[in-house]
Amino acid sequence: MINKEIISQDYQKLLLREYSEMPEFISLRRKIVLPHLAPNLINQKLGVSLLIAKKGFSYNGYTIKVAFLLATPDKTSHLAALYDVNKTVNDENFIDGLIMNNSKKSVIHEIGTFIYKEVI
């Protein structure tokens, strides 16, 4: 997201500072995190980034394997993206399938298929 200028290096630094205490409110189902910063704190464009950590990383004593980073320029532009993220994180089989994927192309295909299936 930095390379595409959706967020800046300053965003990254502020994000790390904001979540250094590991607040629980960004943890979903104790295996997914959704870090984000309010648009009034720092300039940002609309974007979502996905991290899949097969071995996981520790967050508040839980092993996190999936992180969605959400950026939004205002308080409403991100709502459709947040709706899609919410659908995916609430489907445990889908999340488990993403974790098992071995390529970026396969992950993108699975997400597209999932979202398209939900639209039909």
C-alpha atoms as a PDB file:
ATOM      1  CA  MET A   1       0.000   0.000   0.000  1.00  0.00           C
ATOM      2  CA  ILE A   2       2.972   2.279   0.539  1.00  0.00           C
ATOM      3  CA  ASN A   3       4.281   1.572  -2.976  1.00  0.00           C
ATOM      4  CA  LYS A   4       0.856   2.423  -4.437  1.00  0.00           C
ATOM      5  CA  GLU A   5       0.718   5.592  -2.304  1.00  0.00           C
ATOM      6  CA  ILE A   6      -2.463   4.529  -0.514  1.00  0.00           C
ATOM      7  CA  ILE A   7      -0.663   5.002   2.786  1.00  0.00           C
ATOM      8  CA  SER A   8       2.642   6.647   3.672  1.00  0.00           C
ATOM      9  CA  GLN A   9       5.639   5.640   5.744  1.00  0.00           C
ATOM     10  CA  ASP A  10       4.196   7.970   8.401  1.00  0.00           C
ATOM     11  CA  TYR A  11       0.984   5.923   8.364  1.00  0.00           C
ATOM     12  CA  GLN A  12       3.033   2.783   8.952  1.00  0.00           C
ATOM     13  CA  LYS A  13       4.898   4.363  11.870  1.00  0.00           C
ATOM     14  CA  LEU A  14       1.696   5.673  13.456  1.00  0.00           C
ATOM     15  CA  LEU A  15       0.001   2.294  12.989  1.00  0.00           C
ATOM     16  CA  LEU A  16       2.853   0.517  14.788  1.00  0.00           C
ATOM     17  CA  ARG A  17       2.713   3.061  17.601  1.00  0.00           C
ATOM     18  CA  GLU A  18      -1.104   2.864  17.928  1.00  0.00           C
ATOM     19  CA  TYR A  19      -1.090  -0.928  18.165  1.00  0.00           C
ATOM     20  CA  SER A  20       2.055  -1.424  20.260  1.00  0.00           C
ATOM     21  CA  GLU A  21      -0.173  -2.186  23.273  1.00  0.00           C
ATOM     22  CA  MET A  22      -2.029  -4.826  21.222  1.00  0.00           C
ATOM     23  CA  PRO A  23      -5.620  -3.670  21.825  1.00  0.00           C
ATOM     24  CA  GLU A  24      -8.166  -6.449  21.564  1.00  0.00           C
ATOM     25  CA  PHE A  25     -10.714  -4.491  19.511  1.00  0.00           C
ATOM     26  CA  ILE A  26      -8.902  -5.219  16.219  1.00  0.00           C
ATOM     27  CA  SER A  27      -8.942  -8.976  16.857  1.00  0.00           C
ATOM     28  CA  LEU A  28     -11.681 -10.949  15.112  1.00  0.00           C
ATOM     29  CA  ARG A  29     -12.447 -14.495  16.212  1.00  0.00           C
ATOM     30  CA  ARG A  30      -8.993 -14.552  17.877  1.00  0.00           C
ATOM     31  CA  LYS A  31      -7.226 -15.508  14.656  1.00  0.00           C
ATOM     32  CA  ILE A  32      -7.674 -12.462  12.423  1.00  0.00           C
ATOM     33  CA  VAL A  33      -6.693  -8.829  13.000  1.00  0.00           C
ATOM     34  CA  LEU A  34      -8.018  -5.720  11.275  1.00  0.00           C
ATOM     35  CA  PRO A  35      -5.643  -2.838  12.026  1.00  0.00           C
ATOM     36  CA  HIS A  36      -6.639   0.603  10.771  1.00  0.00           C
ATOM     37  CA  LEU A  37      -6.262   4.291  11.552  1.00  0.00           C
ATOM     38  CA  ALA A  38      -8.995   6.923  11.654  1.00  0.00           C
ATOM     39  CA  PRO A  39      -8.851   9.200   8.608  1.00  0.00           C
ATOM     40  CA  ASN A  40      -8.631  12.279  10.818  1.00  0.00           C
ATOM     41  CA  LEU A  41      -5.289  11.046  12.233  1.00  0.00           C
ATOM     42  CA  ILE A  42      -3.388  10.841   8.946  1.00  0.00           C
ATOM     43  CA  ASN A  43      -3.998  11.173   5.202  1.00  0.00           C
ATOM     44  CA  GLN A  44      -4.800   7.911   3.478  1.00  0.00           C
ATOM     45  CA  LYS A  45      -6.537   6.661   0.358  1.00  0.00           C
ATOM     46  CA  LEU A  46      -9.034   3.826   0.113  1.00  0.00           C
ATOM     47  CA  GLY A  47      -7.382   0.426   0.211  1.00  0.00           C
ATOM     48  CA  VAL A  48      -7.291  -3.020   1.754  1.00  0.00           C
ATOM     49  CA  SER A  49      -4.231  -5.211   2.072  1.00  0.00           C
ATOM     50  CA  LEU A  50      -4.211  -8.857   3.092  1.00  0.00           C
ATOM     51  CA  LEU A  51      -1.462 -10.669   4.974  1.00  0.00           C
ATOM     52  CA  ILE A  52      -1.542 -14.449   5.291  1.00  0.00           C
ATOM     53  CA  ALA A  53       0.995 -15.780   7.790  1.00  0.00           C
ATOM     54  CA  LYS A  54       0.975 -19.572   7.498  1.00  0.00           C
ATOM     55  CA  LYS A  55       2.951 -20.052  10.701  1.00  0.00           C
ATOM     56  CA  GLY A  56       1.105 -17.196  12.368  1.00  0.00           C
ATOM     57  CA  PHE A  57       2.286 -14.507  14.737  1.00  0.00           C
ATOM     58  CA  SER A  58       1.429 -13.819  18.355  1.00  0.00           C
ATOM     59  CA  TYR A  59      -1.094 -11.108  19.213  1.00  0.00           C
ATOM     60  CA  ASN A  60      -2.541 -10.903  22.727  1.00  0.00           C
ATOM     61  CA  GLY A  61      -1.664 -14.534  23.348  1.00  0.00           C
ATOM     62  CA  TYR A  62      -3.404 -15.780  20.197  1.00  0.00           C
ATOM     63  CA  THR A  63      -1.852 -17.059  16.998  1.00  0.00           C
ATOM     64  CA  ILE A  64      -2.949 -14.758  14.189  1.00  0.00           C
ATOM     65  CA  LYS A  65      -2.745 -16.082  10.646  1.00  0.00           C
ATOM     66  CA  VAL A  66      -4.686 -13.428   8.721  1.00  0.00           C
ATOM     67  CA  ALA A  67      -4.501  -9.624   8.838  1.00  0.00           C
ATOM     68  CA  PHE A  68      -6.533  -7.187   6.783  1.00  0.00           C
ATOM     69  CA  LEU A  69      -5.102  -3.647   6.767  1.00  0.00           C
ATOM     70  CA  LEU A  70      -7.845  -1.150   6.001  1.00  0.00           C
ATOM     71  CA  ALA A  71      -7.187   2.440   4.889  1.00  0.00           C
ATOM     72  CA  THR A  72      -9.878   5.044   4.215  1.00  0.00           C
ATOM     73  CA  PRO A  73      -9.834   8.739   3.325  1.00  0.00           C
ATOM     74  CA  ASP A  74     -13.059   9.421   5.253  1.00  0.00           C
ATOM     75  CA  LYS A  75     -15.611   7.747   7.507  1.00  0.00           C
ATOM     76  CA  THR A  76     -17.785   6.237   4.763  1.00  0.00           C
ATOM     77  CA  SER A  77     -15.739   5.310   1.654  1.00  0.00           C
ATOM     78  CA  HIS A  78     -14.556   2.051   3.190  1.00  0.00           C
ATOM     79  CA  LEU A  79     -17.958   0.654   4.197  1.00  0.00           C
ATOM     80  CA  ALA A  80     -18.418  -1.560   1.110  1.00  0.00           C
ATOM     81  CA  ALA A  81     -14.892  -2.964   1.529  1.00  0.00           C
ATOM     82  CA  LEU A  82     -15.500  -3.492   5.241  1.00  0.00           C
ATOM     83  CA  TYR A  83     -18.719  -5.368   4.404  1.00  0.00           C
ATOM     84  CA  ASP A  84     -16.763  -7.717   2.097  1.00  0.00           C
ATOM     85  CA  VAL A  85     -14.027  -8.204   4.705  1.00  0.00           C
ATOM     86  CA  ASN A  86     -16.692  -8.978   7.310  1.00  0.00           C
ATOM     87  CA  LYS A  87     -18.269 -11.627   5.058  1.00  0.00           C
ATOM     88  CA  THR A  88     -14.931 -13.325   4.555  1.00  0.00           C
ATOM     89  CA  VAL A  89     -13.833 -13.323   8.199  1.00  0.00           C
ATOM     90  CA  ASN A  90     -17.154 -14.823   9.268  1.00  0.00           C
ATOM     91  CA  ASP A  91     -16.689 -17.809   6.960  1.00  0.00           C
ATOM     92  CA  GLU A  92     -14.223 -20.021   8.816  1.00  0.00           C
ATOM     93  CA  ASN A  93     -13.919 -22.490   5.935  1.00  0.00           C
ATOM     94  CA  PHE A  94     -13.040 -19.673   3.553  1.00  0.00           C
ATOM     95  CA  ILE A  95     -10.373 -18.270   5.901  1.00  0.00           C
ATOM     96  CA  ASP A  96      -8.900 -21.736   6.471  1.00  0.00           C
ATOM     97  CA  GLY A  97      -8.815 -22.219   2.694  1.00  0.00           C
ATOM     98  CA  LEU A  98      -6.992 -18.923   2.202  1.00  0.00           C
ATOM     99  CA  ILE A  99      -4.369 -19.941   4.743  1.00  0.00           C
ATOM    100  CA  MET A 100      -3.802 -23.211   2.876  1.00  0.00           C
ATOM    101  CA  ASN A 101      -3.286 -21.494  -0.512  1.00  0.00           C
ATOM    102  CA  ASN A 102       0.278 -21.416  -1.779  1.00  0.00           C
ATOM    103  CA  SER A 103       0.250 -18.549  -4.264  1.00  0.00           C
ATOM    104  CA  LYS A 104      -0.846 -14.935  -4.499  1.00  0.00           C
ATOM    105  CA  LYS A 105      -2.709 -15.729  -7.721  1.00  0.00           C
ATOM    106  CA  SER A 106      -4.656 -18.514  -6.025  1.00  0.00           C
ATOM    107  CA  VAL A 107      -5.566 -16.286  -3.063  1.00  0.00           C
ATOM    108  CA  ILE A 108      -6.805 -13.528  -5.398  1.00  0.00           C
ATOM    109  CA  HIS A 109      -8.856 -16.085  -7.341  1.00  0.00           C
ATOM    110  CA  GLU A 110     -10.417 -17.484  -4.138  1.00  0.00           C
ATOM    111  CA  ILE A 111     -11.356 -14.010  -2.882  1.00  0.00           C
ATOM    112  CA  GLY A 112     -12.870 -13.072  -6.254  1.00  0.00           C
ATOM    113  CA  THR A 113     -14.843 -16.312  -6.392  1.00  0.00           C
ATOM    114  CA  PHE A 114     -16.083 -15.854  -2.827  1.00  0.00           C
ATOM    115  CA  ILE A 115     -17.227 -12.278  -3.355  1.00  0.00           C
ATOM    116  CA  TYR A 116     -18.776 -13.088  -6.753  1.00  0.00           C
ATOM    117  CA  LYS A 117     -20.607 -16.088  -5.255  1.00  0.00           C
ATOM    118  CA  GLU A 118     -22.062 -13.815  -2.570  1.00  0.00           C
ATOM    119  CA  VAL A 119     -23.354 -11.371  -5.200  1.00  0.00           C
ATOM    120  CA  ILE A 120     -25.248 -14.025  -7.171  1.00  0.00           C
END
